[in-house]
Amino acid sequence: PDKATELILYCGGGYRSALVAANLQ
């Protein structure tokens, strides 16, 4: 719930996690 929490996302190779990172931002 704390939107200041640091999040490190990973997928298989870094593509899907990039898309998710943009959405979470």
PDB file of all heavy atoms in Angstrom:
ATOM      1  N   PRO A   1       0.792  -1.231   0.000  1.00  0.00           N
ATOM      2  CA  PRO A   1       0.000   0.000   0.000  1.00  0.00           C
ATOM      3  C   PRO A   1       0.828   1.289   0.000  1.00  0.00           C
ATOM      4  O   PRO A   1       0.364   2.318  -0.498  1.00  0.00           O
ATOM      5  CB  PRO A   1      -0.838  -0.109   1.276  1.00  0.00           C
ATOM      6  CG  PRO A   1      -0.157  -1.129   2.119  1.00  0.00           C
ATOM      7  CD  PRO A   1       0.602  -2.024   1.209  1.00  0.00           C
ATOM      8  N   ASP A   2       2.044   1.239   0.533  1.00  0.00           N
ATOM      9  CA  ASP A   2       2.899   2.425   0.584  1.00  0.00           C
ATOM     10  C   ASP A   2       3.568   2.629  -0.769  1.00  0.00           C
ATOM     11  O   ASP A   2       4.462   1.884  -1.151  1.00  0.00           O
ATOM     12  CB  ASP A   2       3.945   2.273   1.677  1.00  0.00           C
ATOM     13  CG  ASP A   2       4.847   3.487   1.824  1.00  0.00           C
ATOM     14  OD1 ASP A   2       4.701   4.464   1.058  1.00  0.00           O
ATOM     15  OD2 ASP A   2       5.708   3.451   2.724  1.00  0.00           O
ATOM     16  N   LYS A   3       3.143   3.647  -1.478  1.00  0.00           N
ATOM     17  CA  LYS A   3       3.638   3.875  -2.832  1.00  0.00           C
ATOM     18  C   LYS A   3       5.064   4.429  -2.866  1.00  0.00           C
ATOM     19  O   LYS A   3       5.625   4.599  -3.940  1.00  0.00           O
ATOM     20  CB  LYS A   3       2.663   4.759  -3.600  1.00  0.00           C
ATOM     21  CG  LYS A   3       1.359   4.036  -3.848  1.00  0.00           C
ATOM     22  CD  LYS A   3       0.388   4.822  -4.667  1.00  0.00           C
ATOM     23  CE  LYS A   3      -0.865   3.980  -4.893  1.00  0.00           C
ATOM     24  NZ  LYS A   3      -1.855   4.675  -5.681  1.00  0.00           N
ATOM     25  N   ALA A   4       5.653   4.652  -1.701  1.00  0.00           N
ATOM     26  CA  ALA A   4       7.056   5.057  -1.626  1.00  0.00           C
ATOM     27  C   ALA A   4       7.976   3.846  -1.436  1.00  0.00           C
ATOM     28  O   ALA A   4       9.204   3.999  -1.428  1.00  0.00           O
ATOM     29  CB  ALA A   4       7.265   6.056  -0.494  1.00  0.00           C
ATOM     30  N   THR A   5       7.403   2.661  -1.300  1.00  0.00           N
ATOM     31  CA  THR A   5       8.198   1.443  -1.156  1.00  0.00           C
ATOM     32  C   THR A   5       8.980   1.184  -2.436  1.00  0.00           C
ATOM     33  O   THR A   5       8.437   1.289  -3.530  1.00  0.00           O
ATOM     34  CB  THR A   5       7.282   0.235  -0.860  1.00  0.00           C
ATOM     35  OG1 THR A   5       6.552   0.497   0.338  1.00  0.00           O
ATOM     36  CG2 THR A   5       8.085  -1.057  -0.713  1.00  0.00           C
ATOM     37  N   GLU A   6      10.249   0.840  -2.282  1.00  0.00           N
ATOM     38  CA  GLU A   6      11.061   0.529  -3.451  1.00  0.00           C
ATOM     39  C   GLU A   6      10.706  -0.865  -3.954  1.00  0.00           C
ATOM     40  O   GLU A   6      10.679  -1.832  -3.189  1.00  0.00           O
ATOM     41  CB  GLU A   6      12.548   0.592  -3.095  1.00  0.00           C
ATOM     42  CG  GLU A   6      13.438   0.412  -4.289  1.00  0.00           C
ATOM     43  CD  GLU A   6      14.896   0.718  -3.987  1.00  0.00           C
ATOM     44  OE1 GLU A   6      15.181   1.525  -3.082  1.00  0.00           O
ATOM     45  OE2 GLU A   6      15.754   0.136  -4.677  1.00  0.00           O
ATOM     46  N   LEU A   7      10.425  -0.955  -5.258  1.00  0.00           N
ATOM     47  CA  LEU A   7      10.038  -2.207  -5.898  1.00  0.00           C
ATOM     48  C   LEU A   7      11.035  -2.560  -6.990  1.00  0.00           C
ATOM     49  O   LEU A   7      11.327  -1.728  -7.852  1.00  0.00           O
ATOM     50  CB  LEU A   7       8.647  -2.073  -6.534  1.00  0.00           C
ATOM     51  CG  LEU A   7       7.516  -1.535  -5.659  1.00  0.00           C
ATOM     52  CD1 LEU A   7       6.261  -1.342  -6.490  1.00  0.00           C
ATOM     53  CD2 LEU A   7       7.265  -2.462  -4.482  1.00  0.00           C
ATOM     54  N   ILE A   8      11.545  -3.776  -6.953  1.00  0.00           N
ATOM     55  CA  ILE A   8      12.396  -4.285  -8.031  1.00  0.00           C
ATOM     56  C   ILE A   8      11.627  -5.435  -8.674  1.00  0.00           C
ATOM     57  O   ILE A   8      11.339  -6.438  -8.026  1.00  0.00           O
ATOM     58  CB  ILE A   8      13.760  -4.762  -7.509  1.00  0.00           C
ATOM     59  CG1 ILE A   8      14.499  -3.609  -6.841  1.00  0.00           C
ATOM     60  CG2 ILE A   8      14.587  -5.352  -8.660  1.00  0.00           C
ATOM     61  CD1 ILE A   8      15.798  -4.009  -6.145  1.00  0.00           C
ATOM     62  N   LEU A   9      11.274  -5.256  -9.935  1.00  0.00           N
ATOM     63  CA  LEU A   9      10.458  -6.218 -10.663  1.00  0.00           C
ATOM     64  C   LEU A   9      11.333  -7.067 -11.573  1.00  0.00           C
ATOM     65  O   LEU A   9      12.269  -6.547 -12.179  1.00  0.00           O
ATOM     66  CB  LEU A   9       9.437  -5.480 -11.524  1.00  0.00           C
ATOM     67  CG  LEU A   9       8.635  -4.372 -10.854  1.00  0.00           C
ATOM     68  CD1 LEU A   9       7.830  -3.610 -11.893  1.00  0.00           C
ATOM     69  CD2 LEU A   9       7.733  -4.941  -9.774  1.00  0.00           C
ATOM     70  N   TYR A  10      11.000  -8.344 -11.682  1.00  0.00           N
ATOM     71  CA  TYR A  10      11.711  -9.171 -12.659  1.00  0.00           C
ATOM     72  C   TYR A  10      10.749 -10.121 -13.356  1.00  0.00           C
ATOM     73  O   TYR A  10       9.718 -10.507 -12.820  1.00  0.00           O
ATOM     74  CB  TYR A  10      12.889  -9.923 -12.044  1.00  0.00           C
ATOM     75  CG  TYR A  10      12.541 -11.106 -11.171  1.00  0.00           C
ATOM     76  CD1 TYR A  10      12.378 -12.382 -11.725  1.00  0.00           C
ATOM     77  CD2 TYR A  10      12.403 -10.977  -9.797  1.00  0.00           C
ATOM     78  CE1 TYR A  10      12.087 -13.476 -10.927  1.00  0.00           C
ATOM     79  CE2 TYR A  10      12.112 -12.071  -8.994  1.00  0.00           C
ATOM     80  CZ  TYR A  10      11.951 -13.309  -9.567  1.00  0.00           C
ATOM     81  OH  TYR A  10      11.656 -14.396  -8.767  1.00  0.00           O
ATOM     82  N   CYS A  11      11.116 -10.450 -14.575  1.00  0.00           N
ATOM     83  CA  CYS A  11      10.405 -11.449 -15.375  1.00  0.00           C
ATOM     84  C   CYS A  11      11.470 -12.399 -15.904  1.00  0.00           C
ATOM     85  O   CYS A  11      12.495 -12.582 -15.262  1.00  0.00           O
ATOM     86  CB  CYS A  11       9.594 -10.782 -16.490  1.00  0.00           C
ATOM     87  SG  CYS A  11      10.604  -9.815 -17.637  1.00  0.00           S
ATOM     88  N   GLY A  12      11.262 -12.975 -17.067  1.00  0.00           N
ATOM     89  CA  GLY A  12      12.247 -13.896 -17.611  1.00  0.00           C
ATOM     90  C   GLY A  12      13.490 -13.213 -18.122  1.00  0.00           C
ATOM     91  O   GLY A  12      14.614 -13.635 -17.861  1.00  0.00           O
ATOM     92  N   GLY A  13      13.303 -12.108 -18.856  1.00  0.00           N
ATOM     93  CA  GLY A  13      14.441 -11.435 -19.471  1.00  0.00           C
ATOM     94  C   GLY A  13      14.463  -9.930 -19.339  1.00  0.00           C
ATOM     95  O   GLY A  13      15.368  -9.281 -19.845  1.00  0.00           O
ATOM     96  N   GLY A  14      13.460  -9.356 -18.700  1.00  0.00           N
ATOM     97  CA  GLY A  14      13.446  -7.909 -18.479  1.00  0.00           C
ATOM     98  C   GLY A  14      12.465  -7.133 -19.336  1.00  0.00           C
ATOM     99  O   GLY A  14      12.399  -5.913 -19.236  1.00  0.00           O
ATOM    100  N   TYR A  15      11.690  -7.824 -20.155  1.00  0.00           N
ATOM    101  CA  TYR A  15      10.739  -7.129 -21.025  1.00  0.00           C
ATOM    102  C   TYR A  15       9.397  -6.892 -20.327  1.00  0.00           C
ATOM    103  O   TYR A  15       8.912  -5.763 -20.248  1.00  0.00           O
ATOM    104  CB  TYR A  15      10.507  -7.932 -22.313  1.00  0.00           C
ATOM    105  CG  TYR A  15      11.743  -8.110 -23.146  1.00  0.00           C
ATOM    106  CD1 TYR A  15      12.291  -9.375 -23.334  1.00  0.00           C
ATOM    107  CD2 TYR A  15      12.369  -7.031 -23.752  1.00  0.00           C
ATOM    108  CE1 TYR A  15      13.432  -9.550 -24.103  1.00  0.00           C
ATOM    109  CE2 TYR A  15      13.509  -7.203 -24.521  1.00  0.00           C
ATOM    110  CZ  TYR A  15      14.030  -8.464 -24.695  1.00  0.00           C
ATOM    111  OH  TYR A  15      15.150  -8.636 -25.453  1.00  0.00           O
ATOM    112  N   ARG A  16       8.792  -7.956 -19.821  1.00  0.00           N
ATOM    113  CA  ARG A  16       7.505  -7.809 -19.139  1.00  0.00           C
ATOM    114  C   ARG A  16       7.631  -6.929 -17.909  1.00  0.00           C
ATOM    115  O   ARG A  16       6.734  -6.133 -17.610  1.00  0.00           O
ATOM    116  CB  ARG A  16       6.943  -9.183 -18.752  1.00  0.00           C
ATOM    117  CG  ARG A  16       6.518 -10.017 -19.943  1.00  0.00           C
ATOM    118  CD  ARG A  16       6.136 -11.422 -19.550  1.00  0.00           C
ATOM    119  NE  ARG A  16       7.332 -12.191 -19.193  1.00  0.00           N
ATOM    120  CZ  ARG A  16       7.318 -13.426 -18.711  1.00  0.00           C
ATOM    121  NH1 ARG A  16       6.172 -14.051 -18.505  1.00  0.00           N
ATOM    122  NH2 ARG A  16       8.455 -14.058 -18.437  1.00  0.00           N
ATOM    123  N   SER A  17       8.736  -7.049 -17.191  1.00  0.00           N
ATOM    124  CA  SER A  17       8.916  -6.225 -15.988  1.00  0.00           C
ATOM    125  C   SER A  17       9.025  -4.749 -16.347  1.00  0.00           C
ATOM    126  O   SER A  17       8.606  -3.887 -15.576  1.00  0.00           O
ATOM    127  CB  SER A  17      10.120  -6.685 -15.179  1.00  0.00           C
ATOM    128  OG  SER A  17      11.308  -6.630 -15.929  1.00  0.00           O
ATOM    129  N   ALA A  18       9.554  -4.437 -17.511  1.00  0.00           N
ATOM    130  CA  ALA A  18       9.611  -3.033 -17.961  1.00  0.00           C
ATOM    131  C   ALA A  18       8.202  -2.502 -18.182  1.00  0.00           C
ATOM    132  O   ALA A  18       7.881  -1.367 -17.778  1.00  0.00           O
ATOM    133  CB  ALA A  18      10.434  -2.916 -19.240  1.00  0.00           C
ATOM    134  N   LEU A  19       7.340  -3.306 -18.789  1.00  0.00           N
ATOM    135  CA  LEU A  19       5.958  -2.883 -19.021  1.00  0.00           C
ATOM    136  C   LEU A  19       5.219  -2.692 -17.697  1.00  0.00           C
ATOM    137  O   LEU A  19       4.495  -1.713 -17.513  1.00  0.00           O
ATOM    138  CB  LEU A  19       5.233  -3.895 -19.902  1.00  0.00           C
ATOM    139  CG  LEU A  19       5.782  -4.055 -21.317  1.00  0.00           C
ATOM    140  CD1 LEU A  19       5.094  -5.211 -22.026  1.00  0.00           C
ATOM    141  CD2 LEU A  19       5.647  -2.768 -22.114  1.00  0.00           C
ATOM    142  N   VAL A  20       5.428  -3.607 -16.763  1.00  0.00           N
ATOM    143  CA  VAL A  20       4.794  -3.492 -15.452  1.00  0.00           C
ATOM    144  C   VAL A  20       5.313  -2.257 -14.717  1.00  0.00           C
ATOM    145  O   VAL A  20       4.541  -1.531 -14.090  1.00  0.00           O
ATOM    146  CB  VAL A  20       5.008  -4.767 -14.607  1.00  0.00           C
ATOM    147  CG1 VAL A  20       4.506  -4.563 -13.182  1.00  0.00           C
ATOM    148  CG2 VAL A  20       4.319  -5.960 -15.247  1.00  0.00           C
ATOM    149  N   ALA A  21       6.603  -2.001 -14.797  1.00  0.00           N
ATOM    150  CA  ALA A  21       7.181  -0.829 -14.124  1.00  0.00           C
ATOM    151  C   ALA A  21       6.508   0.448 -14.603  1.00  0.00           C
ATOM    152  O   ALA A  21       6.179   1.330 -13.797  1.00  0.00           O
ATOM    153  CB  ALA A  21       8.689  -0.767 -14.366  1.00  0.00           C
ATOM    154  N   ALA A  22       6.292   0.559 -15.892  1.00  0.00           N
ATOM    155  CA  ALA A  22       5.630   1.751 -16.435  1.00  0.00           C
ATOM    156  C   ALA A  22       4.215   1.878 -15.885  1.00  0.00           C
ATOM    157  O   ALA A  22       3.784   2.973 -15.492  1.00  0.00           O
ATOM    158  CB  ALA A  22       5.616   1.699 -17.959  1.00  0.00           C
ATOM    159  N   ASN A  23       3.491   0.773 -15.815  1.00  0.00           N
ATOM    160  CA  ASN A  23       2.128   0.812 -15.290  1.00  0.00           C
ATOM    161  C   ASN A  23       2.099   1.196 -13.817  1.00  0.00           C
ATOM    162  O   ASN A  23       1.255   1.988 -13.389  1.00  0.00           O
ATOM    163  CB  ASN A  23       1.436  -0.536 -15.487  1.00  0.00           C
ATOM    164  CG  ASN A  23       1.038  -0.772 -16.917  1.00  0.00           C
ATOM    165  OD1 ASN A  23       0.968   0.145 -17.724  1.00  0.00           O
ATOM    166  ND2 ASN A  23       0.776  -2.026 -17.250  1.00  0.00           N
ATOM    167  N   LEU A  24       3.014   0.640 -13.020  1.00  0.00           N
ATOM    168  CA  LEU A  24       3.026   0.959 -11.589  1.00  0.00           C
ATOM    169  C   LEU A  24       3.399   2.422 -11.359  1.00  0.00           C
ATOM    170  O   LEU A  24       2.865   3.056 -10.441  1.00  0.00           O
ATOM    171  CB  LEU A  24       3.960   0.025 -10.835  1.00  0.00           C
ATOM    172  CG  LEU A  24       3.551  -1.456 -10.828  1.00  0.00           C
ATOM    173  CD1 LEU A  24       4.487  -2.258  -9.932  1.00  0.00           C
ATOM    174  CD2 LEU A  24       2.109  -1.644 -10.415  1.00  0.00           C
ATOM    175  N   GLN A  25       4.256   2.952 -12.175  1.00  0.00           N
ATOM    176  CA  GLN A  25       4.571   4.387 -12.079  1.00  0.00           C
ATOM    177  C   GLN A  25       3.316   5.208 -12.357  1.00  0.00           C
ATOM    178  O   GLN A  25       3.048   6.189 -11.656  1.00  0.00           O
ATOM    179  CB  GLN A  25       5.682   4.765 -13.058  1.00  0.00           C
ATOM    180  CG  GLN A  25       7.038   4.292 -12.618  1.00  0.00           C
ATOM    181  CD  GLN A  25       8.138   4.599 -13.618  1.00  0.00           C
ATOM    182  OE1 GLN A  25       9.287   4.366 -13.319  1.00  0.00           O
ATOM    183  NE2 GLN A  25       7.833   5.099 -14.795  1.00  0.00           N
TER     184      GLN A  25
END
